[in-house]
């Protein structure tokens, strides 16, 4: 893996860590009642999607188990359709799906010997 892709993956992990810290101990009801947290979560998802868009096709294809297309697509929906977003769906993704995707990315990074 090239240095650029490795740096991008590390930044994705950093963003997921930020999101995990922001939502730690939070329930879905608490999330849905906190406008600032919802907005901050959406911004973090936008950041992750932007980073995913920067990854090389090589990384995306060699690690097809990660739903890269969904991650960058969520960025587009979040950035352009904030008022039509279903926040319960954002909560499910941020609290359940993204953490497992982040673990897969961590595995990629831990298995990379570098270039």
Protein backbone atom coordinates (compact mmCIF):
# COMPACT_ATOMS: atom_id res chain seq x y z
CA UNK A 1 0.00 0.00 0.00
CA UNK A 2 1.33 3.42 -0.85
CA UNK A 3 2.03 6.05 1.78
CA UNK A 4 -0.86 8.27 0.65
CA UNK A 5 -3.45 5.50 1.07
CA UNK A 6 -2.01 4.56 4.44
CA UNK A 7 -2.26 8.17 5.62
CA UNK A 8 -5.86 8.41 4.39
CA UNK A 9 -6.81 5.20 6.20
CA UNK A 10 -5.19 6.51 9.39
CA UNK A 11 -7.21 9.72 9.07
CA UNK A 12 -10.42 7.70 8.61
CA UNK A 13 -9.60 5.85 11.83
CA UNK A 14 -8.96 9.18 13.55
CA UNK A 15 -12.39 10.46 12.47
CA UNK A 16 -14.09 7.28 13.66
CA UNK A 17 -12.31 7.68 17.01
CA UNK A 18 -13.64 11.24 17.27
CA UNK A 19 -17.16 10.00 16.55
CA UNK A 20 -16.83 7.21 19.09
CA UNK A 21 -15.71 9.71 21.73
CA UNK A 22 -18.57 12.12 20.92
CA UNK A 23 -21.21 9.41 21.19
CA UNK A 24 -19.74 7.41 24.09
CA UNK A 25 -22.43 6.47 26.57
CA UNK A 26 -25.13 8.05 24.43
CA UNK A 27 -28.44 6.35 23.72
CA UNK A 28 -30.39 6.70 20.51
CA UNK A 29 -32.95 8.84 22.33
CA UNK A 30 -30.23 11.10 23.71
CA UNK A 31 -28.65 11.38 20.29
CA UNK A 32 -31.97 12.31 18.67
CA UNK A 33 -32.59 14.96 21.33
CA UNK A 34 -29.19 16.63 20.86
CA UNK A 35 -29.09 18.80 17.75
CA UNK A 36 -25.42 19.68 18.20
CA UNK A 37 -24.44 16.02 18.48
CA UNK A 38 -26.47 15.12 15.40
CA UNK A 39 -24.82 17.92 13.42
CA UNK A 40 -21.35 17.01 14.67
CA UNK A 41 -21.96 13.37 13.76
CA UNK A 42 -23.07 14.32 10.27
CA UNK A 43 -20.00 16.51 9.80
CA UNK A 44 -17.74 13.68 10.90
CA UNK A 45 -19.46 11.32 8.45
CA UNK A 46 -18.90 13.90 5.71
CA UNK A 47 -15.21 14.01 6.62
CA UNK A 48 -14.97 10.21 6.47
CA UNK A 49 -16.72 10.13 3.11
CA UNK A 50 -14.37 12.76 1.71
CA UNK A 51 -11.39 10.71 2.84
CA UNK A 52 -12.81 7.53 1.32
CA UNK A 53 -13.18 9.35 -2.02
CA UNK A 54 -9.41 10.02 -1.93
CA UNK A 55 -8.43 6.35 -1.63
CA UNK A 56 -6.88 4.68 -4.64
CA UNK A 57 -8.92 2.24 -6.67
CA UNK A 58 -6.30 -0.37 -5.77
CA UNK A 59 -7.11 -0.16 -2.06
CA UNK A 60 -10.85 -0.11 -2.67
CA UNK A 61 -10.68 -3.19 -4.88
CA UNK A 62 -8.22 -5.14 -2.75
CA UNK A 63 -10.39 -4.60 0.34
CA UNK A 64 -13.84 -4.98 -1.18
CA UNK A 65 -15.18 -6.35 2.11
CA UNK A 66 -15.43 -2.74 3.26
CA UNK A 67 -18.43 -0.90 1.77
CA UNK A 68 -16.40 2.04 0.42
CA UNK A 69 -19.17 3.06 -2.00
CA UNK A 70 -21.69 3.26 0.84
CA UNK A 71 -19.27 5.30 2.94
CA UNK A 72 -18.61 7.88 0.25
CA UNK A 73 -22.27 7.86 -0.81
CA UNK A 74 -23.35 8.63 2.73
CA UNK A 75 -21.13 11.70 2.55
CA UNK A 76 -23.09 12.95 -0.46
CA UNK A 77 -26.46 12.34 1.14
CA UNK A 78 -25.37 13.91 4.41
CA UNK A 79 -23.83 16.97 2.76
CA UNK A 80 -26.66 17.66 0.33
CA UNK A 81 -29.74 16.37 2.10
CA UNK A 82 -29.31 17.19 5.77
CA UNK A 83 -32.96 18.10 6.29
CA UNK A 84 -34.16 14.91 4.62
CA UNK A 85 -31.83 12.61 6.54
CA UNK A 86 -33.40 10.08 8.81
CA UNK A 87 -31.45 10.66 12.00
CA UNK A 88 -32.35 7.23 13.44
CA UNK A 89 -30.57 5.76 10.39
CA UNK A 90 -27.56 8.00 11.02
CA UNK A 91 -27.49 6.75 14.62
CA UNK A 92 -27.56 3.11 13.53
CA UNK A 93 -24.73 3.68 11.08
CA UNK A 94 -22.59 5.73 13.46
CA UNK A 95 -23.09 3.51 16.49
CA UNK A 96 -23.23 0.03 14.94
CA UNK A 97 -21.98 -0.15 11.36
CA UNK A 98 -19.10 2.33 11.27
CA UNK A 99 -17.28 0.84 14.29
CA UNK A 100 -17.07 -2.57 12.60
CA UNK A 101 -15.87 -0.94 9.37
CA UNK A 102 -13.23 0.94 11.37
CA UNK A 103 -12.01 -2.37 12.82
CA UNK A 104 -11.62 -3.75 9.30
CA UNK A 105 -9.58 -0.67 8.37
CA UNK A 106 -7.45 -1.13 11.49
CA UNK A 107 -6.81 -4.71 10.37
CA UNK A 108 -5.70 -3.46 6.96
CA UNK A 109 -3.29 -1.03 8.58
CA UNK A 110 -1.91 -3.60 11.03
CA UNK A 111 -1.30 -6.04 8.18
CA UNK A 112 0.46 -3.49 5.96
CA UNK A 113 4.22 -3.75 5.83
CA UNK A 114 4.45 -0.42 3.98
CA UNK A 115 6.25 0.43 0.79
